[in-house]
Structure formats: C-alpha cells, structure tokens
Amino acid sequence: DRERATYRAGIGGLVYGEDPSEGFVRGRRFLHPKLGFTFQAPDGFALDNTAQAVLGVKEGGGQALRLDVVRVPAEQTLAEYLTSGWIENIDPKTVEEVGINGLQAATATAKGDQWVFRLYAVRFGTDVYRFIFASKRTTADIDRAFRESVNTFRRMTLAESQAAKPMHIKVVSVEPGETVERLASRMATPDRAVERFRILNGLDPNE
C-alpha cells in the first residue's frame, strides 16, 4: 500500500524543522502553541524561525519583517515605548495607539538611509511583541499589507494549540511511475514542497 509509511529503525520519530518549544513556521503563518499566539506574514513572504526572532523576507528582497519579544513595564504605555529610543528616526506624528484583536498596541513609522519602517508594539500578557516591517520604498498598498499582517496576530484557541505539531520524517516506498512532484505533494509542507523533497533526498534538479 503506497499510502502506508514504512519506518526504518530510529527514523520514524525524527522531528524535522523547528524546535517544537520555539514555535512552527507553516508557509506564511507562524504558530507558537507554547506561548499561545499566531500571525501570518504578508503575501509573498518566506518566514524563518530563529532563536532570537521570527524573520521574513519577500521574494525579491525589497521587503522584510522581524518579530521579537521584550519586557516593557506595565506603567509605560506602548506609545511611550515606541519613542523611548528603541529605534531611531521615528516620526512622532505617526505614533498611534491601536487595538489588535483585543490586545493593546501602538504603531509608528521611521526612516533610515535605504529603508522605511512600519513598527508595532503589541502587549500580550506580561510581554510586548515588536513587529518591524521594512521596505525599500513605501506605498499605500505596502503599508496596508503590513497592517493587515499585524492584524492577524492573535491568541490561539486551545484546539489550535493542541493541533499544532512538529513535522516528522517518515520513509515511504516509491512506486513505479511516481514523480518527485507527486511525492512532494504528499508532504505536510505548504511551501516549497518540491525543493524540500529534493533536499531531504539529496536529489539534483534533474534527478
């Protein structure tokens, strides 16, 4: 039965990808069941989960994002935090307090030599999550995409947290006539499945 996995000793339980305690990237979505939050990057972004931050780059390299977490005193407003020197060249006229899915937040813009930044600070429990969206040029559409992305930041439901599991490597038997594309389509990877399949199996582009 080609749908039945054939496990080799020691392979069936091997976790593939991120440390389960650090959250998961699933396509454009990042889920952290341990901390209980999720968000989705703008269209065209590829995410990378590191120990220090969640990083994202849009195809072409003209846009990027970073999400990390800090402690901010409860008595300090998020608008005050944004202008406290955390990042330079913030335009004070753009500082605005907002709400994101029932969470306190604040936003502002800043400019560097080559990049324009849309910043958010979101209070989630005792922590503050910082979003830095960067673009080499800014337009209303780009800024709207950044706003729509941060508005996907929310608490995960209990069911979502329980369902979020790491990916595991399993070994399957290849049947005559099957292709790389068909096998890759069976993988639980929503992005770059063919590329991942080739890397896992050590296959060159024409093999």
N, C-alpha and C. Protein backbone atom coordinates (compact mmCIF):
# COMPACT_ATOMS: atom_id res chain seq x y z
N ASP A 1 0.86 -1.19 0.00
CA ASP A 1 0.00 0.00 0.00
C ASP A 1 0.89 1.23 0.00
N ARG A 2 0.84 2.03 -1.06
CA ARG A 2 1.76 3.16 -1.16
C ARG A 2 1.44 4.25 -0.13
N GLU A 3 0.24 4.25 0.41
CA GLU A 3 -0.12 5.26 1.41
C GLU A 3 0.36 4.89 2.80
N ARG A 4 0.86 3.69 2.96
CA ARG A 4 1.29 3.26 4.29
C ARG A 4 2.77 3.54 4.45
N ALA A 5 3.15 4.28 5.49
CA ALA A 5 4.55 4.61 5.72
C ALA A 5 5.31 3.37 6.16
N THR A 6 6.53 3.22 5.63
CA THR A 6 7.40 2.13 6.07
C THR A 6 8.55 2.75 6.83
N TYR A 7 8.56 2.56 8.13
CA TYR A 7 9.52 3.22 9.00
C TYR A 7 10.78 2.39 9.15
N ARG A 8 11.92 3.07 9.10
CA ARG A 8 13.18 2.44 9.44
C ARG A 8 13.48 2.72 10.90
N ALA A 9 14.25 1.83 11.50
CA ALA A 9 14.57 1.99 12.93
C ALA A 9 15.21 3.35 13.17
N GLY A 10 14.68 4.08 14.15
CA GLY A 10 15.25 5.36 14.52
C GLY A 10 14.82 6.52 13.65
N ILE A 11 14.12 6.29 12.54
CA ILE A 11 13.76 7.37 11.64
C ILE A 11 12.35 7.88 11.88
N GLY A 12 11.43 7.00 12.21
CA GLY A 12 10.02 7.37 12.27
C GLY A 12 9.71 8.51 13.20
N GLY A 13 10.45 8.66 14.32
CA GLY A 13 10.14 9.71 15.27
C GLY A 13 11.03 10.92 15.16
N LEU A 14 11.81 11.04 14.09
CA LEU A 14 12.74 12.14 13.95
C LEU A 14 12.01 13.42 13.58
N VAL A 15 12.12 14.44 14.43
CA VAL A 15 11.47 15.72 14.18
C VAL A 15 12.23 16.46 13.10
N TYR A 16 11.48 17.04 12.15
CA TYR A 16 12.07 17.80 11.06
C TYR A 16 11.70 19.26 11.22
N GLY A 17 12.70 20.14 11.15
CA GLY A 17 12.42 21.56 11.21
C GLY A 17 12.66 22.14 12.59
N GLU A 18 11.75 23.05 13.02
CA GLU A 18 11.97 23.83 14.22
C GLU A 18 11.87 23.01 15.50
N ASP A 19 12.49 23.53 16.55
CA ASP A 19 12.33 23.00 17.89
C ASP A 19 10.87 23.22 18.29
N PRO A 20 10.15 22.15 18.66
CA PRO A 20 8.72 22.32 18.99
C PRO A 20 8.44 23.37 20.05
N SER A 21 9.38 23.59 20.97
CA SER A 21 9.15 24.56 22.03
C SER A 21 9.33 26.00 21.56
N GLU A 22 9.82 26.18 20.31
CA GLU A 22 10.07 27.52 19.80
C GLU A 22 9.06 27.96 18.75
N GLY A 23 8.04 27.14 18.51
CA GLY A 23 7.02 27.50 17.53
C GLY A 23 7.30 26.93 16.17
N PHE A 24 6.34 27.10 15.25
CA PHE A 24 6.42 26.49 13.93
C PHE A 24 6.14 27.51 12.83
N VAL A 25 6.85 27.37 11.73
CA VAL A 25 6.52 28.10 10.51
C VAL A 25 5.75 27.15 9.60
N ARG A 26 4.59 27.59 9.15
CA ARG A 26 3.79 26.82 8.20
C ARG A 26 3.41 27.75 7.05
N GLY A 27 4.24 27.76 6.01
CA GLY A 27 4.01 28.70 4.93
C GLY A 27 4.23 30.12 5.42
N ARG A 28 3.21 30.97 5.25
CA ARG A 28 3.31 32.36 5.72
C ARG A 28 2.87 32.52 7.18
N ARG A 29 2.39 31.44 7.78
CA ARG A 29 1.88 31.53 9.15
C ARG A 29 2.92 31.04 10.15
N PHE A 30 2.99 31.74 11.29
CA PHE A 30 3.82 31.32 12.42
C PHE A 30 2.90 31.01 13.58
N LEU A 31 3.10 29.86 14.20
CA LEU A 31 2.29 29.43 15.34
C LEU A 31 3.21 29.11 16.51
N HIS A 32 2.86 29.60 17.69
CA HIS A 32 3.63 29.27 18.89
C HIS A 32 2.65 28.73 19.93
N PRO A 33 2.38 27.42 19.89
CA PRO A 33 1.38 26.87 20.80
C PRO A 33 1.78 26.99 22.28
N LYS A 34 3.08 26.99 22.57
CA LYS A 34 3.50 27.10 23.97
C LYS A 34 3.17 28.47 24.54
N LEU A 35 3.41 29.52 23.76
CA LEU A 35 3.10 30.88 24.20
C LEU A 35 1.69 31.30 23.83
N GLY A 36 1.07 30.56 22.89
CA GLY A 36 -0.34 30.76 22.60
C GLY A 36 -0.68 31.86 21.63
N PHE A 37 0.19 32.14 20.65
CA PHE A 37 -0.15 33.17 19.66
C PHE A 37 0.20 32.70 18.26
N THR A 38 -0.37 33.39 17.28
CA THR A 38 -0.10 33.11 15.87
C THR A 38 -0.21 34.40 15.09
N PHE A 39 0.45 34.46 13.93
CA PHE A 39 0.27 35.57 12.99
C PHE A 39 0.63 35.08 11.60
N GLN A 40 0.21 35.84 10.59
CA GLN A 40 0.50 35.48 9.21
C GLN A 40 1.22 36.63 8.52
N ALA A 41 2.32 36.31 7.84
CA ALA A 41 3.11 37.31 7.12
C ALA A 41 2.37 37.75 5.86
N PRO A 42 2.74 38.89 5.31
CA PRO A 42 2.11 39.34 4.05
C PRO A 42 2.36 38.37 2.91
N ASP A 43 1.55 38.48 1.89
CA ASP A 43 1.66 37.62 0.72
C ASP A 43 3.06 37.73 0.10
N GLY A 44 3.63 36.59 -0.27
CA GLY A 44 4.93 36.57 -0.92
C GLY A 44 6.10 36.46 0.02
N PHE A 45 5.87 36.46 1.34
CA PHE A 45 6.95 36.38 2.31
C PHE A 45 7.29 34.93 2.63
N ALA A 46 8.58 34.68 2.87
CA ALA A 46 9.05 33.40 3.39
C ALA A 46 9.58 33.66 4.81
N LEU A 47 9.14 32.84 5.77
CA LEU A 47 9.50 33.04 7.17
C LEU A 47 10.60 32.09 7.61
N ASP A 48 11.40 32.56 8.57
CA ASP A 48 12.46 31.74 9.17
C ASP A 48 12.40 31.96 10.67
N ASN A 49 12.25 30.88 11.43
CA ASN A 49 12.16 30.96 12.87
C ASN A 49 13.54 30.74 13.48
N THR A 50 14.11 31.76 14.12
CA THR A 50 15.40 31.64 14.78
C THR A 50 15.21 31.73 16.29
N ALA A 51 16.29 31.50 17.02
CA ALA A 51 16.21 31.54 18.48
C ALA A 51 15.93 32.95 18.99
N GLN A 52 16.33 33.97 18.21
CA GLN A 52 16.17 35.35 18.67
C GLN A 52 14.91 36.02 18.14
N ALA A 53 14.44 35.60 16.96
CA ALA A 53 13.32 36.31 16.34
C ALA A 53 12.76 35.48 15.20
N VAL A 54 11.55 35.86 14.79
CA VAL A 54 10.98 35.34 13.55
C VAL A 54 11.33 36.35 12.46
N LEU A 55 11.98 35.90 11.40
CA LEU A 55 12.41 36.78 10.32
C LEU A 55 11.67 36.43 9.05
N GLY A 56 11.43 37.43 8.23
CA GLY A 56 10.74 37.19 6.97
C GLY A 56 11.29 38.09 5.88
N VAL A 57 11.34 37.56 4.68
CA VAL A 57 11.79 38.33 3.51
C VAL A 57 10.83 38.05 2.37
N LYS A 58 10.46 39.10 1.66
CA LYS A 58 9.62 38.92 0.49
C LYS A 58 10.49 38.60 -0.72
N GLU A 59 9.94 37.78 -1.59
CA GLU A 59 10.66 37.42 -2.81
C GLU A 59 11.11 38.68 -3.54
N GLY A 60 12.39 38.73 -3.86
CA GLY A 60 12.95 39.92 -4.48
C GLY A 60 13.77 40.75 -3.52
N GLY A 61 13.52 40.58 -2.20
CA GLY A 61 14.33 41.24 -1.18
C GLY A 61 14.01 42.69 -0.91
N GLY A 62 12.91 43.21 -1.46
CA GLY A 62 12.58 44.60 -1.25
C GLY A 62 11.77 44.88 0.00
N GLN A 63 11.31 43.81 0.68
CA GLN A 63 10.55 43.96 1.92
C GLN A 63 11.01 42.89 2.91
N ALA A 64 10.94 43.22 4.19
CA ALA A 64 11.37 42.28 5.22
C ALA A 64 10.56 42.53 6.50
N LEU A 65 10.61 41.57 7.40
CA LEU A 65 9.96 41.74 8.70
C LEU A 65 10.77 41.04 9.78
N ARG A 66 10.55 41.49 11.00
CA ARG A 66 11.14 40.86 12.18
C ARG A 66 10.12 40.92 13.31
N LEU A 67 9.98 39.82 14.03
CA LEU A 67 9.14 39.77 15.22
C LEU A 67 9.98 39.25 16.37
N ASP A 68 10.05 40.02 17.46
CA ASP A 68 10.72 39.54 18.66
C ASP A 68 9.92 39.98 19.88
N VAL A 69 10.43 39.67 21.06
CA VAL A 69 9.68 39.92 22.29
C VAL A 69 10.58 40.58 23.33
N VAL A 70 10.01 41.53 24.08
CA VAL A 70 10.74 42.22 25.13
C VAL A 70 9.81 42.40 26.33
N ARG A 71 10.39 42.80 27.44
CA ARG A 71 9.60 43.17 28.61
C ARG A 71 9.51 44.70 28.68
N VAL A 72 8.32 45.20 28.84
CA VAL A 72 8.07 46.63 28.97
C VAL A 72 7.29 46.83 30.27
N PRO A 73 7.72 47.77 31.15
CA PRO A 73 6.99 47.98 32.41
C PRO A 73 5.51 48.25 32.16
N ALA A 74 4.67 47.69 32.99
CA ALA A 74 3.23 47.82 32.80
C ALA A 74 2.78 49.28 32.85
N GLU A 75 3.52 50.11 33.60
CA GLU A 75 3.12 51.51 33.73
C GLU A 75 3.54 52.34 32.52
N GLN A 76 4.37 51.80 31.63
CA GLN A 76 4.80 52.53 30.44
C GLN A 76 3.86 52.21 29.29
N THR A 77 3.29 53.24 28.69
CA THR A 77 2.41 53.00 27.56
C THR A 77 3.23 52.53 26.35
N LEU A 78 2.58 51.85 25.44
CA LEU A 78 3.28 51.37 24.26
C LEU A 78 3.69 52.52 23.34
N ALA A 79 2.91 53.58 23.31
CA ALA A 79 3.30 54.76 22.54
C ALA A 79 4.57 55.36 23.12
N GLU A 80 4.67 55.41 24.44
CA GLU A 80 5.89 55.91 25.08
C GLU A 80 7.07 55.00 24.77
N TYR A 81 6.81 53.70 24.76
CA TYR A 81 7.89 52.76 24.48
C TYR A 81 8.43 52.95 23.06
N LEU A 82 7.54 53.16 22.09
CA LEU A 82 7.99 53.33 20.71
C LEU A 82 8.92 54.53 20.55
N THR A 83 8.73 55.56 21.37
CA THR A 83 9.54 56.77 21.26
C THR A 83 10.63 56.84 22.32
N SER A 84 10.94 55.71 22.96
CA SER A 84 11.91 55.70 24.06
C SER A 84 13.35 55.49 23.60
N GLY A 85 13.58 55.43 22.30
CA GLY A 85 14.93 55.22 21.81
C GLY A 85 15.19 53.81 21.33
N TRP A 86 14.16 52.98 21.34
CA TRP A 86 14.31 51.59 20.88
C TRP A 86 14.79 51.56 19.43
N ILE A 87 14.27 52.46 18.61
CA ILE A 87 14.71 52.55 17.22
C ILE A 87 14.79 54.03 16.85
N GLU A 88 15.74 54.37 16.00
CA GLU A 88 15.99 55.78 15.68
C GLU A 88 15.06 56.28 14.58
N ASN A 89 15.00 57.60 14.52
CA ASN A 89 14.32 58.32 13.43
C ASN A 89 12.83 58.03 13.34
N ILE A 90 12.19 57.79 14.47
CA ILE A 90 10.73 57.64 14.46
C ILE A 90 10.08 58.99 14.21
N ASP A 91 9.08 58.99 13.35
CA ASP A 91 8.32 60.21 13.09
C ASP A 91 7.26 60.34 14.19
N PRO A 92 7.41 61.31 15.09
CA PRO A 92 6.47 61.41 16.23
C PRO A 92 5.04 61.66 15.78
N LYS A 93 4.84 62.22 14.60
CA LYS A 93 3.49 62.50 14.14
C LYS A 93 2.74 61.23 13.75
N THR A 94 3.47 60.12 13.57
CA THR A 94 2.84 58.87 13.16
C THR A 94 2.54 57.93 14.31
N VAL A 95 2.95 58.28 15.53
CA VAL A 95 2.72 57.41 16.69
C VAL A 95 1.23 57.36 16.97
N GLU A 96 0.72 56.16 17.09
CA GLU A 96 -0.73 55.97 17.25
C GLU A 96 -0.99 54.74 18.12
N GLU A 97 -1.88 54.87 19.09
CA GLU A 97 -2.30 53.72 19.89
C GLU A 97 -3.45 53.03 19.16
N VAL A 98 -3.37 51.70 19.06
CA VAL A 98 -4.39 50.93 18.33
C VAL A 98 -4.73 49.68 19.13
N GLY A 99 -5.78 49.01 18.71
CA GLY A 99 -6.14 47.72 19.28
C GLY A 99 -6.02 46.64 18.23
N ILE A 100 -5.48 45.50 18.59
CA ILE A 100 -5.32 44.38 17.66
C ILE A 100 -5.92 43.13 18.29
N ASN A 101 -7.09 42.75 17.83
CA ASN A 101 -7.78 41.56 18.32
C ASN A 101 -7.88 41.53 19.85
N GLY A 102 -8.28 42.68 20.40
CA GLY A 102 -8.46 42.78 21.84
C GLY A 102 -7.18 43.05 22.61
N LEU A 103 -6.07 43.23 21.95
CA LEU A 103 -4.78 43.47 22.60
C LEU A 103 -4.37 44.93 22.44
N GLN A 104 -3.75 45.50 23.48
CA GLN A 104 -3.23 46.85 23.40
C GLN A 104 -2.02 46.88 22.46
N ALA A 105 -1.95 47.93 21.63
CA ALA A 105 -0.84 48.04 20.69
C ALA A 105 -0.61 49.50 20.35
N ALA A 106 0.54 49.75 19.76
CA ALA A 106 0.87 51.08 19.25
C ALA A 106 1.69 50.91 18.00
N THR A 107 1.62 51.90 17.11
CA THR A 107 2.34 51.83 15.84
C THR A 107 2.97 53.18 15.52
N ALA A 108 3.98 53.14 14.65
CA ALA A 108 4.64 54.36 14.19
C ALA A 108 5.46 54.01 12.96
N THR A 109 5.97 55.03 12.29
CA THR A 109 6.87 54.80 11.16
C THR A 109 8.22 55.45 11.46
N ALA A 110 9.23 54.95 10.78
CA ALA A 110 10.58 55.50 10.91
C ALA A 110 11.27 55.38 9.55
N LYS A 111 12.30 56.20 9.34
CA LYS A 111 13.02 56.18 8.07
C LYS A 111 14.51 56.04 8.31
N GLY A 112 15.14 55.17 7.51
CA GLY A 112 16.59 55.06 7.50
C GLY A 112 17.13 55.55 6.18
N ASP A 113 18.40 55.30 5.95
CA ASP A 113 19.01 55.76 4.71
C ASP A 113 18.43 55.07 3.48
N GLN A 114 18.15 53.76 3.61
CA GLN A 114 17.68 52.98 2.46
C GLN A 114 16.34 52.29 2.69
N TRP A 115 15.86 52.28 3.93
CA TRP A 115 14.64 51.55 4.26
C TRP A 115 13.64 52.44 4.97
N VAL A 116 12.38 52.12 4.79
CA VAL A 116 11.28 52.75 5.53
C VAL A 116 10.67 51.68 6.42
N PHE A 117 10.34 52.02 7.67
CA PHE A 117 9.90 51.03 8.65
C PHE A 117 8.49 51.35 9.16
N ARG A 118 7.68 50.31 9.28
CA ARG A 118 6.41 50.37 9.98
C ARG A 118 6.58 49.52 11.24
N LEU A 119 6.42 50.13 12.41
CA LEU A 119 6.68 49.48 13.68
C LEU A 119 5.39 49.25 14.45
N TYR A 120 5.34 48.13 15.16
CA TYR A 120 4.24 47.84 16.06
C TYR A 120 4.79 47.28 17.36
N ALA A 121 4.17 47.64 18.44
CA ALA A 121 4.41 47.02 19.74
C ALA A 121 3.06 46.53 20.24
N VAL A 122 2.97 45.24 20.57
CA VAL A 122 1.70 44.63 20.97
C VAL A 122 1.89 43.99 22.34
N ARG A 123 1.06 44.38 23.30
CA ARG A 123 1.16 43.80 24.64
C ARG A 123 0.36 42.50 24.69
N PHE A 124 1.06 41.44 25.05
CA PHE A 124 0.45 40.11 25.10
C PHE A 124 0.84 39.47 26.42
N GLY A 125 -0.08 39.51 27.40
CA GLY A 125 0.25 39.06 28.74
C GLY A 125 1.27 39.99 29.36
N THR A 126 2.36 39.44 29.89
CA THR A 126 3.40 40.25 30.51
C THR A 126 4.49 40.67 29.52
N ASP A 127 4.37 40.24 28.28
CA ASP A 127 5.38 40.53 27.27
C ASP A 127 4.86 41.54 26.24
N VAL A 128 5.78 42.13 25.52
CA VAL A 128 5.45 43.01 24.40
C VAL A 128 6.14 42.45 23.16
N TYR A 129 5.35 42.21 22.13
CA TYR A 129 5.88 41.70 20.87
C TYR A 129 6.10 42.87 19.92
N ARG A 130 7.30 42.90 19.34
CA ARG A 130 7.67 44.00 18.45
C ARG A 130 7.72 43.52 17.01
N PHE A 131 6.95 44.16 16.16
CA PHE A 131 6.98 43.91 14.73
C PHE A 131 7.75 45.04 14.06
N ILE A 132 8.71 44.70 13.24
CA ILE A 132 9.39 45.67 12.38
C ILE A 132 9.14 45.23 10.94
N PHE A 133 8.37 46.01 10.21
CA PHE A 133 8.16 45.78 8.79
C PHE A 133 9.01 46.80 8.04
N ALA A 134 9.82 46.34 7.10
CA ALA A 134 10.73 47.22 6.38
C ALA A 134 10.51 47.10 4.89
N SER A 135 10.61 48.23 4.19
CA SER A 135 10.51 48.22 2.73
C SER A 135 11.48 49.26 2.17
N LYS A 136 12.02 48.95 0.99
CA LYS A 136 12.95 49.89 0.36
C LYS A 136 12.22 51.08 -0.24
N ARG A 137 10.97 50.90 -0.51
CA ARG A 137 10.11 52.02 -0.92
C ARG A 137 8.75 51.78 -0.30
N THR A 138 8.05 52.84 -0.01
CA THR A 138 6.75 52.68 0.65
C THR A 138 5.64 53.17 -0.27
N THR A 139 4.54 52.44 -0.24
CA THR A 139 3.32 52.83 -0.95
C THR A 139 2.16 52.54 -0.02
N ALA A 140 1.01 53.04 -0.37
CA ALA A 140 -0.19 52.77 0.44
C ALA A 140 -0.49 51.29 0.47
N ASP A 141 -0.28 50.59 -0.65
CA ASP A 141 -0.56 49.16 -0.71
C ASP A 141 0.40 48.37 0.18
N ILE A 142 1.67 48.73 0.18
CA ILE A 142 2.65 48.04 1.02
C ILE A 142 2.31 48.25 2.49
N ASP A 143 2.01 49.50 2.86
CA ASP A 143 1.68 49.77 4.26
C ASP A 143 0.41 49.06 4.67
N ARG A 144 -0.56 48.97 3.76
CA ARG A 144 -1.80 48.26 4.08
C ARG A 144 -1.52 46.77 4.29
N ALA A 145 -0.63 46.18 3.48
CA ALA A 145 -0.27 44.78 3.64
C ALA A 145 0.38 44.54 5.00
N PHE A 146 1.23 45.47 5.45
CA PHE A 146 1.86 45.35 6.76
C PHE A 146 0.80 45.43 7.87
N ARG A 147 -0.14 46.36 7.73
CA ARG A 147 -1.19 46.50 8.73
C ARG A 147 -2.07 45.24 8.78
N GLU A 148 -2.39 44.71 7.61
CA GLU A 148 -3.21 43.50 7.57
C GLU A 148 -2.48 42.32 8.20
N SER A 149 -1.17 42.26 8.02
CA SER A 149 -0.40 41.18 8.62
C SER A 149 -0.41 41.26 10.14
N VAL A 150 -0.13 42.44 10.70
CA VAL A 150 -0.08 42.53 12.16
C VAL A 150 -1.47 42.32 12.76
N ASN A 151 -2.51 42.60 11.99
CA ASN A 151 -3.87 42.37 12.48
C ASN A 151 -4.25 40.90 12.52
N THR A 152 -3.38 40.02 12.01
CA THR A 152 -3.60 38.58 12.16
C THR A 152 -2.99 38.05 13.46
N PHE A 153 -2.24 38.90 14.17
CA PHE A 153 -1.65 38.49 15.46
C PHE A 153 -2.78 38.31 16.47
N ARG A 154 -2.89 37.12 17.03
CA ARG A 154 -3.99 36.84 17.96
C ARG A 154 -3.64 35.65 18.84
N ARG A 155 -4.48 35.46 19.86
CA ARG A 155 -4.35 34.29 20.72
C ARG A 155 -4.79 33.05 19.95
N MET A 156 -4.09 31.95 20.15
CA MET A 156 -4.52 30.68 19.58
C MET A 156 -5.58 30.06 20.47
N THR A 157 -6.53 29.39 19.88
CA THR A 157 -7.50 28.66 20.66
C THR A 157 -6.85 27.40 21.23
N LEU A 158 -7.49 26.80 22.22
CA LEU A 158 -6.97 25.58 22.80
C LEU A 158 -6.87 24.48 21.75
N ALA A 159 -7.87 24.40 20.89
CA ALA A 159 -7.86 23.38 19.83
C ALA A 159 -6.70 23.60 18.87
N GLU A 160 -6.43 24.87 18.52
CA GLU A 160 -5.31 25.17 17.63
C GLU A 160 -3.98 24.80 18.27
N SER A 161 -3.83 25.11 19.55
CA SER A 161 -2.58 24.79 20.25
C SER A 161 -2.35 23.29 20.32
N GLN A 162 -3.42 22.54 20.56
CA GLN A 162 -3.29 21.09 20.66
C GLN A 162 -3.02 20.46 19.30
N ALA A 163 -3.51 21.09 18.23
CA ALA A 163 -3.35 20.53 16.89
C ALA A 163 -2.01 20.88 16.27
N ALA A 164 -1.32 21.90 16.79
CA ALA A 164 -0.04 22.34 16.21
C ALA A 164 1.05 21.36 16.62
N LYS A 165 1.50 20.57 15.68
CA LYS A 165 2.51 19.55 15.94
C LYS A 165 3.70 19.75 15.02
N PRO A 166 4.90 19.37 15.48
CA PRO A 166 6.06 19.46 14.58
C PRO A 166 5.96 18.44 13.47
N MET A 167 6.68 18.70 12.37
CA MET A 167 6.73 17.73 11.29
C MET A 167 7.74 16.63 11.63
N HIS A 168 7.49 15.43 11.15
CA HIS A 168 8.38 14.30 11.37
C HIS A 168 8.79 13.71 10.02
N ILE A 169 9.98 13.16 9.99
CA ILE A 169 10.43 12.47 8.78
C ILE A 169 9.91 11.05 8.82
N LYS A 170 9.34 10.61 7.72
CA LYS A 170 8.98 9.21 7.59
C LYS A 170 9.47 8.73 6.23
N VAL A 171 9.76 7.45 6.14
CA VAL A 171 10.28 6.86 4.92
C VAL A 171 9.17 6.09 4.24
N VAL A 172 8.94 6.36 2.97
CA VAL A 172 7.89 5.68 2.21
C VAL A 172 8.50 4.97 1.02
N SER A 173 7.82 3.95 0.56
CA SER A 173 8.28 3.22 -0.62
C SER A 173 7.78 3.92 -1.88
N VAL A 174 8.67 4.10 -2.82
CA VAL A 174 8.32 4.74 -4.09
C VAL A 174 7.81 3.70 -5.05
N GLU A 175 6.64 3.96 -5.61
CA GLU A 175 6.04 3.03 -6.55
C GLU A 175 6.43 3.39 -7.99
N PRO A 176 6.44 2.43 -8.90
CA PRO A 176 6.74 2.72 -10.30
C PRO A 176 5.81 3.81 -10.86
N GLY A 177 6.40 4.75 -11.58
CA GLY A 177 5.62 5.80 -12.19
C GLY A 177 5.43 7.04 -11.33
N GLU A 178 5.78 6.98 -10.06
CA GLU A 178 5.62 8.16 -9.21
C GLU A 178 6.71 9.18 -9.53
N THR A 179 6.38 10.44 -9.38
CA THR A 179 7.30 11.53 -9.69
C THR A 179 7.68 12.28 -8.42
N VAL A 180 8.72 13.09 -8.56
CA VAL A 180 9.12 13.96 -7.45
C VAL A 180 7.96 14.86 -7.04
N GLU A 181 7.28 15.42 -8.02
CA GLU A 181 6.18 16.35 -7.73
C GLU A 181 5.04 15.65 -6.99
N ARG A 182 4.73 14.42 -7.40
CA ARG A 182 3.62 13.70 -6.75
C ARG A 182 3.98 13.34 -5.32
N LEU A 183 5.21 12.87 -5.11
CA LEU A 183 5.62 12.53 -3.75
C LEU A 183 5.70 13.79 -2.88
N ALA A 184 6.22 14.88 -3.45
CA ALA A 184 6.32 16.11 -2.67
C ALA A 184 4.95 16.63 -2.26
N SER A 185 3.94 16.41 -3.12
CA SER A 185 2.60 16.91 -2.81
C SER A 185 1.99 16.20 -1.60
N ARG A 186 2.55 15.05 -1.21
CA ARG A 186 2.04 14.31 -0.04
C ARG A 186 2.69 14.77 1.25
N MET A 187 3.70 15.65 1.15
CA MET A 187 4.38 16.13 2.34
C MET A 187 3.56 17.21 3.02
N ALA A 188 3.69 17.29 4.34
CA ALA A 188 2.95 18.29 5.12
C ALA A 188 3.70 19.60 5.16
N THR A 189 4.11 20.08 3.99
CA THR A 189 4.83 21.35 3.89
C THR A 189 4.09 22.24 2.91
N PRO A 190 3.52 23.34 3.37
CA PRO A 190 2.73 24.19 2.49
C PRO A 190 3.56 25.05 1.55
N ASP A 191 4.86 25.15 1.76
CA ASP A 191 5.68 25.99 0.91
C ASP A 191 6.92 25.23 0.43
N ARG A 192 7.27 25.43 -0.84
CA ARG A 192 8.47 24.88 -1.45
C ARG A 192 8.60 23.37 -1.22
N ALA A 193 7.49 22.65 -1.42
CA ALA A 193 7.49 21.21 -1.13
C ALA A 193 8.47 20.45 -2.01
N VAL A 194 8.51 20.77 -3.31
CA VAL A 194 9.42 20.06 -4.21
C VAL A 194 10.87 20.32 -3.82
N GLU A 195 11.17 21.57 -3.51
CA GLU A 195 12.54 21.91 -3.10
C GLU A 195 12.93 21.16 -1.82
N ARG A 196 12.03 21.12 -0.85
CA ARG A 196 12.31 20.41 0.40
C ARG A 196 12.49 18.91 0.13
N PHE A 197 11.65 18.35 -0.72
CA PHE A 197 11.74 16.93 -1.02
C PHE A 197 13.09 16.60 -1.64
N ARG A 198 13.55 17.42 -2.57
CA ARG A 198 14.83 17.17 -3.22
C ARG A 198 15.99 17.27 -2.22
N ILE A 199 15.92 18.26 -1.33
CA ILE A 199 16.98 18.42 -0.33
C ILE A 199 17.01 17.22 0.62
N LEU A 200 15.83 16.80 1.11
CA LEU A 200 15.77 15.67 2.03
C LEU A 200 16.32 14.39 1.42
N ASN A 201 16.13 14.24 0.11
CA ASN A 201 16.54 13.02 -0.56
C ASN A 201 17.84 13.16 -1.36
N GLY A 202 18.48 14.32 -1.26
CA GLY A 202 19.75 14.51 -1.95
C GLY A 202 19.65 14.43 -3.46
N LEU A 203 18.55 14.94 -4.00
CA LEU A 203 18.31 14.87 -5.44
C LEU A 203 18.65 16.20 -6.12
N ASP A 204 19.41 16.11 -7.20
CA ASP A 204 19.70 17.30 -8.00
C ASP A 204 18.44 17.68 -8.80
N PRO A 205 18.41 18.90 -9.37
CA PRO A 205 17.20 19.36 -10.08
C PRO A 205 16.72 18.43 -11.18
N ASN A 206 17.61 17.71 -11.84
CA ASN A 206 17.19 16.85 -12.97
C ASN A 206 17.10 15.39 -12.61
N GLU A 207 17.31 15.05 -11.33
CA GLU A 207 17.23 13.64 -10.94
C GLU A 207 15.80 13.26 -10.61
